[in-house]
Amino acid sequence: MRHGILVLSILLLPVASLTAQSGSTIDEARVSVEKWVETRQLTSRLQADWRAEREMIEQTLALFEKELAELQEKLAKADTSTSQVGAERAKLEAEKKELEEASARVTDWATRFEERIRKLAIAFPPTLATKLDPLMKRLPADSATTRLGPVERMQNLVGILNEVDKFNGSIVVESELQKRPSGEEIQVKTLYVGLGQAYFVDKTGDFAGVGQPSLKGWEWKEEPGLGGRVLDAIASYEDTRPPGFVELPMTVN
């Protein structure tokens, strides 16, 4: 597929230009590619761990809800006129209490995770933030008074994390505004490589730089001389130039 070639075409290699000038340059490029692959593998493992945990939580919640509904139905039909039914009711009440305690633990987990999502949202790029806006608005303002049940809250969190995971595994180009050191705002194109690295450039290639996310939002730094390469990377992504290697700086935290 075209994008399979594209990803290779804009691998961001923090090494010297990948030409066939010398064997040492090729070795350095190979080491950089191996490090990049290791980083992607680590990211994939973390994403797989989250998906497994998410699936387990969803299944557990569904089981809780089903068992609680069955218990409530049995309690409603119970005949309280006999001691045997009274004992059965006491047993069902005890089981109901256990399920409610389990539901409370899930609610506590959802509350803590919702707070983490709010803190991380400042680092969401504009396109991702716009897509997540309806789901972010569903996060309870006050977990103590919300009418949303644990299942609804978990489904909302899963929806948010799915979109974040999707963006983090892709390359996105957006039109944005960037400030020059003088304070002047200028239209640029920004190339996001997941949620870990980004590059911006104006249409002339004279004003360009790099960006990384932080808990205060994205932090941008102008990099003189980078514009031409960023334009080439964006052109490869947009299929307006033949694919090829583009050397761009990258910081892996």
Protein backbone atom coordinates (compact mmCIF):
# COMPACT_ATOMS: atom_id res chain seq x y z
CA MET A 1 0.00 0.00 0.00
CA ARG A 2 1.02 3.61 -0.51
CA HIS A 3 1.14 4.46 3.17
CA GLY A 4 3.31 1.43 3.89
CA ILE A 5 5.92 3.03 1.63
CA LEU A 6 5.14 6.43 3.16
CA VAL A 7 6.02 5.41 6.71
CA LEU A 8 9.39 4.23 5.49
CA SER A 9 9.80 7.42 3.48
CA ILE A 10 9.65 9.70 6.46
CA LEU A 11 11.38 7.65 9.13
CA LEU A 12 12.93 10.27 11.35
CA LEU A 13 16.55 9.26 11.70
CA PRO A 14 18.76 11.21 14.15
CA VAL A 15 21.85 10.42 12.08
CA ALA A 16 23.78 11.76 9.13
CA SER A 17 22.10 11.75 5.68
CA LEU A 18 21.33 8.22 4.44
CA THR A 19 23.33 8.17 1.27
CA ALA A 20 25.74 5.57 -0.03
CA GLN A 21 28.77 7.76 0.60
CA SER A 22 30.40 5.32 3.08
CA GLY A 23 29.92 2.04 4.92
CA SER A 24 30.05 3.80 8.31
CA THR A 25 27.09 6.02 7.35
CA ILE A 26 25.05 2.94 6.44
CA ASP A 27 26.00 1.28 9.76
CA GLU A 28 24.93 4.37 11.69
CA ALA A 29 21.65 4.44 9.80
CA ARG A 30 21.09 0.75 10.54
CA VAL A 31 21.69 1.31 14.29
CA SER A 32 19.25 4.24 14.28
CA VAL A 33 16.59 2.18 12.50
CA GLU A 34 17.08 -0.64 15.04
CA LYS A 35 16.63 1.82 17.92
CA TRP A 36 13.52 3.22 16.26
CA VAL A 37 12.12 -0.30 15.82
CA GLU A 38 12.83 -1.07 19.50
CA THR A 39 10.93 2.05 20.51
CA ARG A 40 7.95 1.09 18.33
CA GLN A 41 8.01 -2.45 19.77
CA LEU A 42 7.94 -1.08 23.32
CA THR A 43 5.01 1.16 22.39
CA SER A 44 3.19 -1.81 20.85
CA ARG A 45 3.70 -3.88 24.02
CA LEU A 46 2.33 -1.09 26.21
CA GLN A 47 -0.70 -0.71 23.93
CA ALA A 48 -1.28 -4.49 23.98
CA ASP A 49 -1.13 -4.52 27.80
CA TRP A 50 -3.71 -1.72 27.99
CA ARG A 51 -6.04 -3.46 25.53
CA ALA A 52 -5.88 -6.69 27.54
CA GLU A 53 -6.60 -4.86 30.80
CA ARG A 54 -9.42 -2.88 29.20
CA GLU A 55 -11.06 -6.06 27.85
CA MET A 56 -10.86 -7.70 31.28
CA ILE A 57 -12.45 -4.68 32.97
CA GLU A 58 -15.26 -4.52 30.40
CA GLN A 59 -16.02 -8.23 30.82
CA THR A 60 -15.98 -7.96 34.61
CA LEU A 61 -18.32 -4.99 34.58
CA ALA A 62 -20.74 -6.75 32.25
CA LEU A 63 -20.75 -9.78 34.56
CA PHE A 64 -21.37 -7.58 37.61
CA GLU A 65 -24.29 -5.85 35.92
CA LYS A 66 -25.84 -9.15 34.82
CA GLU A 67 -25.53 -10.81 38.22
CA LEU A 68 -26.85 -7.73 40.01
CA ALA A 69 -29.90 -7.61 37.72
CA GLU A 70 -30.58 -11.31 38.33
CA LEU A 71 -30.32 -10.86 42.09
CA GLN A 72 -32.66 -7.89 42.06
CA GLU A 73 -35.18 -9.90 40.03
CA LYS A 74 -34.99 -12.80 42.47
CA LEU A 75 -35.40 -10.45 45.43
CA ALA A 76 -38.46 -8.87 43.85
CA LYS A 77 -40.10 -12.29 43.39
CA ALA A 78 -39.16 -13.68 46.80
CA ASP A 79 -42.03 -14.70 49.10
CA THR A 80 -41.28 -13.28 52.53
CA SER A 81 -43.98 -15.39 54.25
CA THR A 82 -41.68 -18.32 55.06
CA SER A 83 -38.45 -18.60 56.99
CA GLN A 84 -36.84 -20.47 54.10
CA VAL A 85 -37.44 -17.56 51.79
CA GLY A 86 -36.11 -15.24 54.48
CA ALA A 87 -32.84 -17.17 54.58
CA GLU A 88 -32.65 -17.05 50.78
CA ARG A 89 -33.26 -13.33 50.86
CA ALA A 90 -30.45 -12.85 53.37
CA LYS A 91 -28.12 -14.83 51.11
CA LEU A 92 -29.12 -12.81 48.06
CA GLU A 93 -28.68 -9.55 49.98
CA ALA A 94 -25.16 -10.62 50.96
CA GLU A 95 -24.31 -11.40 47.34
CA LYS A 96 -25.80 -8.10 46.25
CA LYS A 97 -23.63 -6.28 48.76
CA GLU A 98 -20.51 -7.99 47.38
CA LEU A 99 -21.42 -6.94 43.84
CA GLU A 100 -22.09 -3.37 44.94
CA GLU A 101 -18.69 -3.25 46.65
CA ALA A 102 -17.04 -4.50 43.46
CA SER A 103 -18.92 -1.86 41.47
CA ALA A 104 -17.69 0.78 43.93
CA ARG A 105 -14.09 -0.29 43.30
CA VAL A 106 -14.58 0.06 39.55
CA THR A 107 -16.14 3.48 40.10
CA ASP A 108 -13.12 4.54 42.15
CA TRP A 109 -10.78 3.37 39.38
CA ALA A 110 -12.81 5.26 36.75
CA THR A 111 -12.70 8.44 38.87
CA ARG A 112 -8.93 8.33 39.13
CA PHE A 113 -8.46 7.57 35.43
CA GLU A 114 -10.84 10.36 34.40
CA GLU A 115 -8.65 12.80 36.33
CA ARG A 116 -5.54 11.54 34.54
CA ILE A 117 -7.24 11.97 31.17
CA ARG A 118 -8.11 15.59 32.00
CA LYS A 119 -4.47 16.35 32.84
CA LEU A 120 -3.19 14.71 29.63
CA ALA A 121 -5.77 16.42 27.41
CA ILE A 122 -3.68 19.60 27.25
CA ALA A 123 -1.19 17.68 25.08
CA PHE A 124 -3.81 16.57 22.55
CA PRO A 125 -3.18 18.12 19.08
CA PRO A 126 -6.10 20.16 17.65
CA THR A 127 -7.47 17.40 15.38
CA LEU A 128 -7.46 14.84 18.19
CA ALA A 129 -8.93 17.32 20.69
CA THR A 130 -11.79 18.12 18.31
CA LYS A 131 -12.57 14.44 17.76
CA LEU A 132 -12.51 13.73 21.49
CA ASP A 133 -14.56 16.79 22.50
CA PRO A 134 -17.94 14.95 22.77
CA LEU A 135 -16.38 12.19 24.89
CA MET A 136 -14.41 14.63 27.06
CA LYS A 137 -17.63 16.52 27.80
CA ARG A 138 -19.13 13.30 29.15
CA LEU A 139 -16.46 13.02 31.86
CA PRO A 140 -18.29 13.71 35.14
CA ALA A 141 -17.60 17.11 36.66
CA ASP A 142 -18.24 15.58 40.09
CA SER A 143 -17.93 11.83 40.49
CA ALA A 144 -19.91 11.96 43.75
CA THR A 145 -23.06 13.37 42.14
CA THR A 146 -22.90 12.02 38.58
CA ARG A 147 -25.80 9.94 37.31
CA LEU A 148 -23.53 7.92 35.03
CA GLY A 149 -23.02 4.34 36.16
CA PRO A 150 -19.64 2.58 36.22
CA VAL A 151 -20.35 0.78 32.93
CA GLU A 152 -21.17 4.04 31.11
CA ARG A 153 -18.09 5.75 32.54
CA MET A 154 -15.84 2.86 31.53
CA GLN A 155 -17.30 2.83 28.01
CA ASN A 156 -16.57 6.56 27.72
CA LEU A 157 -12.98 6.09 28.91
CA VAL A 158 -12.46 3.22 26.48
CA GLY A 159 -13.72 5.42 23.63
CA ILE A 160 -11.25 8.18 24.55
CA LEU A 161 -8.32 5.78 24.85
CA ASN A 162 -9.16 4.13 21.53
CA GLU A 163 -8.95 7.48 19.72
CA VAL A 164 -5.72 8.42 21.54
CA ASP A 165 -4.20 5.05 20.66
CA LYS A 166 -5.24 5.44 17.01
CA PHE A 167 -3.67 8.91 16.74
CA ASN A 168 -0.50 7.79 18.52
CA GLY A 169 0.03 5.07 15.92
CA SER A 170 -0.31 7.33 12.89
CA ILE A 171 1.20 10.34 11.11
CA VAL A 172 -0.98 13.45 10.80
CA VAL A 173 -0.43 16.77 9.00
CA GLU A 174 -2.37 19.84 10.19
CA SER A 175 -2.48 23.53 9.29
CA GLU A 176 -1.79 25.61 12.41
CA LEU A 177 -0.46 28.94 13.65
CA GLN A 178 3.01 29.28 15.16
CA LYS A 179 4.62 32.30 16.79
CA ARG A 180 7.93 33.65 15.58
CA PRO A 181 10.41 34.84 18.22
CA SER A 182 9.17 38.38 17.42
CA GLY A 183 5.66 37.36 18.52
CA GLU A 184 4.21 37.38 15.01
CA GLU A 185 1.86 34.49 14.26
CA ILE A 186 2.36 32.71 10.96
CA GLN A 187 0.52 29.91 9.17
CA VAL A 188 2.44 26.63 9.14
CA LYS A 189 1.94 22.96 8.43
CA THR A 190 2.62 20.64 11.36
CA LEU A 191 3.56 17.00 10.91
CA TYR A 192 2.71 14.94 14.02
CA VAL A 193 4.44 11.60 14.46
CA GLY A 194 2.03 10.08 16.93
CA LEU A 195 1.91 11.95 20.23
CA GLY A 196 5.66 11.97 20.80
CA GLN A 197 7.16 14.29 18.18
CA ALA A 198 6.10 16.97 15.70
CA TYR A 199 7.65 19.28 13.09
CA PHE A 200 6.35 22.54 11.66
CA VAL A 201 7.28 24.64 8.63
CA ASP A 202 5.85 27.63 6.78
CA LYS A 203 5.18 27.53 3.05
CA THR A 204 8.57 29.09 2.22
CA GLY A 205 10.59 26.71 4.39
CA ASP A 206 12.30 29.64 6.12
CA PHE A 207 10.51 29.19 9.45
CA ALA A 208 10.57 25.65 10.86
CA GLY A 209 11.06 23.79 14.10
CA VAL A 210 10.26 20.83 16.30
CA GLY A 211 7.77 20.18 19.07
CA GLN A 212 7.21 17.74 21.92
CA PRO A 213 4.31 17.34 24.37
CA SER A 214 4.47 18.19 28.06
CA LEU A 215 2.00 18.58 30.92
CA LYS A 216 1.91 22.28 30.02
CA GLY A 217 0.99 21.57 26.40
CA TRP A 218 3.18 21.27 23.31
CA GLU A 219 6.56 22.98 23.53
CA TRP A 220 7.93 24.30 20.24
CA LYS A 221 11.48 25.27 19.28
CA GLU A 222 12.59 26.91 16.06
CA GLU A 223 15.29 25.01 14.15
CA PRO A 224 16.96 27.09 11.40
CA GLY A 225 17.78 25.08 8.31
CA LEU A 226 15.19 22.39 9.02
CA GLY A 227 12.46 23.76 6.75
CA GLY A 228 13.42 22.06 3.50
CA ARG A 229 13.49 18.62 5.06
CA VAL A 230 10.14 19.10 6.80
CA LEU A 231 8.63 20.24 3.50
CA ASP A 232 10.03 17.10 1.84
CA ALA A 233 8.57 14.88 4.59
CA ILE A 234 5.14 16.51 4.27
CA ALA A 235 5.28 16.26 0.48
CA SER A 236 6.01 12.53 0.77
CA TYR A 237 3.09 12.11 3.16
CA GLU A 238 0.76 14.01 0.81
CA ASP A 239 2.03 12.07 -2.25
CA THR A 240 3.23 15.21 -4.01
CA ARG A 241 6.80 13.92 -4.36
CA PRO A 242 8.39 10.49 -4.79
CA PRO A 243 8.99 8.65 -1.52
CA GLY A 244 12.46 8.74 -0.04
CA PHE A 245 14.40 9.00 3.19
CA VAL A 246 14.22 12.33 5.01
CA GLU A 247 16.64 13.10 7.84
CA LEU A 248 14.89 14.82 10.76
CA PRO A 249 15.94 15.24 14.41
CA MET A 250 14.14 13.09 16.97
CA THR A 251 14.25 12.89 20.75
CA VAL A 252 13.16 9.58 22.31
CA ASN A 253 12.24 9.92 25.99
